[in-house]
C-alpha cells in the first residue's frame, strides 16, 4: 500500500525548518541567539541565552510608525543599542525558518548598523 502524504501548511514547514536550524545554533551569555518572530503586521526580536534558558531582552515594533521594512530596521537598531548597553557585542543570528529577505534582512542590517556582530 502506498503512503499518502498530507500537505503541510506554510507555518508547519517553517517550524520544521526552524527546528532543523536550532539543532546547530546555540546562544550563550557571551554570544546570545538573536531570534526573530514575524507576523503579518508586526516583527519582534529577542536575545536568548540557551544555556541558562532565559530571554535577555525583547524589542517589538508596536510603537513604531512607517512601512513594515522600515519598522524592522528600527527594531534591529534598537535591539543593538540595548545590547550594547548590556555589554553584548556579538550574537548568533537565528532567522527562525524565514527566508533571509525583506523584513528579516532589514532587521539584520539594522542590528549590524547598530554595532552587533553576527
N, C-alpha and C. Protein backbone atom coordinates (compact mmCIF):
# COMPACT_ATOMS: atom_id res chain seq x y z
N UNK A 1 0.84 -1.18 0.00
CA UNK A 1 0.00 0.00 0.00
C UNK A 1 0.88 1.24 0.00
N UNK A 2 0.57 2.20 -0.85
CA UNK A 2 1.37 3.42 -0.98
C UNK A 2 1.07 4.37 0.17
N UNK A 3 2.11 5.03 0.60
CA UNK A 3 1.97 6.01 1.68
C UNK A 3 1.43 7.32 1.10
N UNK A 4 0.41 7.86 1.71
CA UNK A 4 -0.19 9.11 1.25
C UNK A 4 0.39 10.25 2.07
N UNK A 5 0.93 11.24 1.37
CA UNK A 5 1.50 12.38 2.09
C UNK A 5 0.43 13.45 2.27
N UNK A 6 0.39 13.98 3.46
CA UNK A 6 -0.58 15.02 3.78
C UNK A 6 0.09 16.37 3.52
N UNK A 7 -0.54 17.24 2.76
CA UNK A 7 0.07 18.56 2.52
C UNK A 7 0.24 19.32 3.84
N UNK A 8 1.40 19.92 4.00
CA UNK A 8 1.68 20.66 5.23
C UNK A 8 1.46 22.15 4.99
N UNK A 9 1.06 22.82 6.03
CA UNK A 9 0.83 24.26 5.92
C UNK A 9 2.17 24.98 5.86
N UNK A 10 2.12 26.22 5.44
CA UNK A 10 3.33 27.05 5.38
C UNK A 10 3.97 27.17 6.76
N UNK A 11 3.13 27.42 7.76
CA UNK A 11 3.64 27.60 9.12
C UNK A 11 4.30 26.32 9.63
N UNK A 12 3.72 25.18 9.34
CA UNK A 12 4.30 23.92 9.78
C UNK A 12 5.66 23.68 9.10
N UNK A 13 5.75 24.00 7.82
CA UNK A 13 7.02 23.86 7.13
C UNK A 13 8.07 24.79 7.72
N UNK A 14 7.68 26.03 8.05
CA UNK A 14 8.62 26.98 8.64
C UNK A 14 9.10 26.49 10.00
N UNK A 15 8.19 25.96 10.81
CA UNK A 15 8.58 25.45 12.13
C UNK A 15 9.55 24.29 12.02
N UNK A 16 9.34 23.43 11.03
CA UNK A 16 10.26 22.31 10.84
C UNK A 16 11.64 22.80 10.41
N UNK A 17 11.68 23.82 9.53
CA UNK A 17 12.96 24.42 9.14
C UNK A 17 13.65 25.01 10.35
N UNK A 18 12.88 25.69 11.20
CA UNK A 18 13.44 26.31 12.40
C UNK A 18 14.03 25.26 13.33
N UNK A 19 13.34 24.15 13.53
CA UNK A 19 13.86 23.09 14.38
C UNK A 19 15.15 22.49 13.80
N UNK A 20 15.22 22.37 12.49
CA UNK A 20 16.43 21.86 11.85
C UNK A 20 17.62 22.78 12.11
N UNK A 21 17.36 24.08 12.03
CA UNK A 21 18.43 25.05 12.27
C UNK A 21 18.80 25.09 13.75
N UNK A 22 17.80 24.96 14.61
CA UNK A 22 18.03 25.04 16.06
C UNK A 22 18.89 23.89 16.58
N UNK A 23 18.99 22.80 15.83
CA UNK A 23 19.87 21.70 16.24
C UNK A 23 21.32 22.15 16.31
N UNK A 24 21.70 23.09 15.43
CA UNK A 24 23.09 23.51 15.36
C UNK A 24 23.35 24.85 16.04
N UNK A 25 22.36 25.75 16.10
CA UNK A 25 22.56 27.06 16.71
C UNK A 25 22.37 26.99 18.20
N UNK A 26 23.24 27.71 18.94
CA UNK A 26 23.10 27.74 20.39
C UNK A 26 23.59 29.10 20.88
N UNK A 27 22.79 29.75 21.69
CA UNK A 27 23.18 31.03 22.25
C UNK A 27 23.74 30.86 23.64
N UNK A 28 24.77 31.64 23.96
CA UNK A 28 25.36 31.63 25.30
C UNK A 28 25.22 33.03 25.89
N UNK A 29 25.65 33.20 27.13
CA UNK A 29 25.55 34.52 27.75
C UNK A 29 26.51 35.50 27.08
N UNK A 30 27.67 35.02 26.58
CA UNK A 30 28.62 35.90 25.90
C UNK A 30 28.18 36.20 24.47
N UNK A 31 27.56 35.21 23.82
CA UNK A 31 27.11 35.36 22.43
C UNK A 31 25.70 34.79 22.31
N UNK A 32 24.69 35.60 22.69
CA UNK A 32 23.30 35.11 22.67
C UNK A 32 22.76 34.93 21.26
N UNK A 33 21.65 34.22 21.17
CA UNK A 33 20.99 33.97 19.90
C UNK A 33 19.98 35.07 19.65
N UNK A 34 20.07 35.73 18.49
CA UNK A 34 19.11 36.76 18.10
C UNK A 34 18.06 36.05 17.25
N UNK A 35 16.86 35.88 17.81
CA UNK A 35 15.80 35.16 17.12
C UNK A 35 14.69 36.13 16.74
N UNK A 36 14.13 35.93 15.54
CA UNK A 36 13.11 36.82 15.00
C UNK A 36 11.75 36.14 15.06
N UNK A 37 10.73 36.91 15.42
CA UNK A 37 9.34 36.45 15.33
C UNK A 37 8.62 37.43 14.42
N UNK A 38 7.93 36.90 13.42
CA UNK A 38 7.32 37.75 12.41
C UNK A 38 5.86 37.36 12.24
N UNK A 39 4.99 38.37 12.13
CA UNK A 39 3.60 38.12 11.78
C UNK A 39 3.28 38.99 10.57
N UNK A 40 2.02 39.00 10.17
CA UNK A 40 1.67 39.80 9.01
C UNK A 40 1.83 41.29 9.26
N UNK A 41 1.59 41.73 10.50
CA UNK A 41 1.66 43.16 10.81
C UNK A 41 2.90 43.57 11.59
N UNK A 42 3.43 42.69 12.42
CA UNK A 42 4.49 43.07 13.35
C UNK A 42 5.71 42.17 13.23
N UNK A 43 6.81 42.65 13.83
CA UNK A 43 8.03 41.87 13.92
C UNK A 43 8.66 42.15 15.28
N UNK A 44 9.27 41.14 15.87
CA UNK A 44 9.95 41.31 17.14
C UNK A 44 11.26 40.54 17.10
N UNK A 45 12.17 40.93 17.96
CA UNK A 45 13.46 40.27 18.04
C UNK A 45 13.81 40.06 19.51
N UNK A 46 14.43 38.93 19.79
CA UNK A 46 14.82 38.60 21.16
C UNK A 46 16.28 38.16 21.18
N UNK A 47 16.94 38.43 22.28
CA UNK A 47 18.25 37.86 22.55
C UNK A 47 18.04 36.78 23.60
N UNK A 48 18.46 35.55 23.27
CA UNK A 48 18.17 34.40 24.12
C UNK A 48 19.48 33.73 24.52
N UNK A 49 19.61 33.42 25.81
CA UNK A 49 20.71 32.63 26.33
C UNK A 49 20.19 31.20 26.48
N UNK A 50 20.59 30.31 25.56
CA UNK A 50 20.08 28.94 25.58
C UNK A 50 20.68 28.10 26.70
N UNK A 51 21.87 28.45 27.18
CA UNK A 51 22.48 27.69 28.25
C UNK A 51 21.70 27.88 29.55
N UNK A 52 21.38 29.14 29.87
CA UNK A 52 20.60 29.45 31.08
C UNK A 52 19.10 29.35 30.84
N UNK A 53 18.70 29.14 29.58
CA UNK A 53 17.30 29.05 29.17
C UNK A 53 16.50 30.27 29.60
N UNK A 54 17.00 31.45 29.20
CA UNK A 54 16.27 32.67 29.51
C UNK A 54 16.43 33.70 28.40
N UNK A 55 15.44 34.57 28.31
CA UNK A 55 15.44 35.65 27.34
C UNK A 55 16.11 36.86 27.98
N UNK A 56 17.12 37.39 27.32
CA UNK A 56 17.85 38.53 27.87
C UNK A 56 17.14 39.84 27.60
N UNK A 57 16.59 40.00 26.39
CA UNK A 57 15.84 41.22 26.07
C UNK A 57 14.97 40.98 24.85
N UNK A 58 13.92 41.80 24.74
CA UNK A 58 12.98 41.72 23.63
C UNK A 58 12.69 43.13 23.13
N UNK A 59 12.61 43.27 21.82
CA UNK A 59 12.22 44.54 21.21
C UNK A 59 11.12 44.25 20.19
N UNK A 60 10.02 45.02 20.27
CA UNK A 60 8.90 44.85 19.34
C UNK A 60 8.64 46.17 18.63
N UNK A 61 7.89 46.11 17.53
CA UNK A 61 7.66 47.30 16.71
C UNK A 61 6.31 47.96 16.98
N UNK A 62 5.71 47.73 18.12
CA UNK A 62 4.35 48.18 18.39
C UNK A 62 4.23 49.71 18.35
N UNK A 63 5.16 50.43 18.91
CA UNK A 63 5.06 51.89 19.00
C UNK A 63 5.61 52.61 17.77
N UNK A 64 6.12 51.87 16.80
CA UNK A 64 6.74 52.49 15.64
C UNK A 64 5.72 52.73 14.52
N UNK A 65 6.01 53.73 13.68
CA UNK A 65 5.15 54.00 12.53
C UNK A 65 5.98 53.92 11.27
N UNK A 66 5.33 53.75 10.14
CA UNK A 66 6.02 53.68 8.86
C UNK A 66 5.76 52.35 8.20
N UNK A 67 6.52 52.08 7.15
CA UNK A 67 6.38 50.83 6.44
C UNK A 67 6.97 49.69 7.26
N UNK A 68 6.54 48.48 6.97
CA UNK A 68 6.97 47.32 7.76
C UNK A 68 8.48 47.10 7.68
N UNK A 69 9.07 47.32 6.51
CA UNK A 69 10.51 47.12 6.37
C UNK A 69 11.27 48.17 7.17
N UNK A 70 10.79 49.40 7.18
CA UNK A 70 11.44 50.46 7.95
C UNK A 70 11.33 50.17 9.44
N UNK A 71 10.17 49.68 9.87
CA UNK A 71 9.99 49.33 11.29
C UNK A 71 10.92 48.20 11.68
N UNK A 72 11.13 47.25 10.78
CA UNK A 72 12.02 46.12 11.06
C UNK A 72 13.46 46.59 11.26
N UNK A 73 13.90 47.50 10.41
CA UNK A 73 15.25 48.04 10.54
C UNK A 73 15.40 48.79 11.86
N UNK A 74 14.38 49.53 12.25
CA UNK A 74 14.42 50.26 13.53
C UNK A 74 14.45 49.31 14.71
N UNK A 75 13.73 48.20 14.63
CA UNK A 75 13.76 47.19 15.70
C UNK A 75 15.19 46.65 15.84
N UNK A 76 15.86 46.39 14.71
CA UNK A 76 17.24 45.93 14.75
C UNK A 76 18.18 46.93 15.39
N UNK A 77 18.01 48.22 15.04
CA UNK A 77 18.86 49.26 15.63
C UNK A 77 18.61 49.40 17.12
N UNK A 78 17.33 49.34 17.54
CA UNK A 78 17.02 49.46 18.97
C UNK A 78 17.55 48.27 19.75
N UNK A 79 17.44 47.09 19.18
CA UNK A 79 17.96 45.90 19.85
C UNK A 79 19.48 46.01 20.01
N UNK A 80 20.16 46.48 18.97
CA UNK A 80 21.61 46.64 19.03
C UNK A 80 22.01 47.65 20.10
N UNK A 81 21.25 48.75 20.21
CA UNK A 81 21.56 49.77 21.22
C UNK A 81 21.39 49.20 22.63
N UNK A 82 20.30 48.47 22.85
CA UNK A 82 20.08 47.88 24.17
C UNK A 82 21.11 46.80 24.49
N UNK A 83 21.54 46.06 23.46
CA UNK A 83 22.56 45.02 23.67
C UNK A 83 23.90 45.66 24.03
N UNK A 84 24.22 46.77 23.37
CA UNK A 84 25.47 47.47 23.68
C UNK A 84 25.48 47.95 25.13
N UNK A 85 24.33 48.46 25.61
CA UNK A 85 24.22 48.89 27.00
C UNK A 85 24.44 47.73 27.95
N UNK A 86 24.01 46.53 27.55
CA UNK A 86 24.14 45.35 28.39
C UNK A 86 25.51 44.68 28.23
N UNK A 87 26.35 45.23 27.34
CA UNK A 87 27.69 44.70 27.16
C UNK A 87 27.77 43.54 26.17
N UNK A 88 26.81 43.42 25.29
CA UNK A 88 26.79 42.34 24.30
C UNK A 88 27.18 42.93 22.95
N UNK A 89 28.23 42.36 22.33
CA UNK A 89 28.69 42.86 21.04
C UNK A 89 28.51 41.85 19.92
N UNK A 90 28.50 40.55 20.26
CA UNK A 90 28.39 39.51 19.26
C UNK A 90 27.16 38.66 19.52
N UNK A 91 26.47 38.28 18.44
CA UNK A 91 25.28 37.44 18.55
C UNK A 91 25.32 36.35 17.47
N UNK A 92 24.49 35.34 17.68
CA UNK A 92 24.27 34.30 16.67
C UNK A 92 22.91 34.60 16.07
N UNK A 93 22.83 34.75 14.74
CA UNK A 93 21.58 35.15 14.09
C UNK A 93 20.74 33.93 13.78
N UNK A 94 19.50 33.92 14.27
CA UNK A 94 18.55 32.84 14.03
C UNK A 94 17.35 33.43 13.30
N UNK A 95 17.23 33.13 12.02
CA UNK A 95 16.14 33.70 11.22
C UNK A 95 14.84 32.95 11.40
N UNK A 96 14.81 31.92 12.23
CA UNK A 96 13.60 31.20 12.63
C UNK A 96 12.86 30.56 11.48
N UNK A 97 13.58 30.09 10.48
CA UNK A 97 12.93 29.42 9.36
C UNK A 97 12.42 30.35 8.29
N UNK A 98 12.49 31.66 8.50
CA UNK A 98 12.05 32.62 7.49
C UNK A 98 13.16 32.81 6.46
N UNK A 99 12.78 33.15 5.24
CA UNK A 99 13.77 33.44 4.21
C UNK A 99 14.50 34.74 4.55
N UNK A 100 15.79 34.80 4.21
CA UNK A 100 16.59 35.97 4.52
C UNK A 100 16.40 37.02 3.43
N UNK A 101 15.26 37.70 3.47
CA UNK A 101 15.00 38.80 2.56
C UNK A 101 13.90 39.66 3.18
N UNK A 102 13.69 40.84 2.64
CA UNK A 102 12.62 41.70 3.12
C UNK A 102 12.83 42.16 4.55
N UNK A 103 11.81 41.91 5.39
CA UNK A 103 11.84 42.41 6.76
C UNK A 103 12.92 41.73 7.60
N UNK A 104 13.17 40.46 7.36
CA UNK A 104 14.19 39.74 8.12
C UNK A 104 15.57 40.33 7.81
N UNK A 105 15.82 40.58 6.55
CA UNK A 105 17.09 41.17 6.15
C UNK A 105 17.23 42.60 6.69
N UNK A 106 16.14 43.37 6.66
CA UNK A 106 16.17 44.74 7.17
C UNK A 106 16.49 44.76 8.66
N UNK A 107 15.91 43.83 9.41
CA UNK A 107 16.20 43.76 10.84
C UNK A 107 17.67 43.41 11.07
N UNK A 108 18.19 42.45 10.32
CA UNK A 108 19.60 42.07 10.46
C UNK A 108 20.52 43.23 10.10
N UNK A 109 20.22 43.94 9.02
CA UNK A 109 21.04 45.08 8.62
C UNK A 109 20.97 46.20 9.66
N UNK A 110 19.79 46.43 10.24
CA UNK A 110 19.64 47.43 11.29
C UNK A 110 20.46 47.07 12.52
N UNK A 111 20.48 45.79 12.87
CA UNK A 111 21.28 45.36 14.02
C UNK A 111 22.77 45.53 13.74
N UNK A 112 23.17 45.24 12.51
CA UNK A 112 24.59 45.45 12.15
C UNK A 112 24.95 46.93 12.18
N UNK A 113 24.05 47.79 11.69
CA UNK A 113 24.28 49.24 11.74
C UNK A 113 24.45 49.70 13.18
N UNK A 114 23.68 49.09 14.09
CA UNK A 114 23.76 49.46 15.49
C UNK A 114 25.02 48.96 16.18
N UNK A 115 25.78 48.09 15.53
CA UNK A 115 27.05 47.66 16.09
C UNK A 115 27.13 46.21 16.50
N UNK A 116 26.10 45.42 16.25
CA UNK A 116 26.18 43.99 16.60
C UNK A 116 26.95 43.23 15.53
N UNK A 117 27.73 42.26 15.96
CA UNK A 117 28.46 41.39 15.02
C UNK A 117 27.76 40.06 14.96
N UNK A 118 27.58 39.54 13.75
CA UNK A 118 26.96 38.22 13.57
C UNK A 118 28.05 37.21 13.31
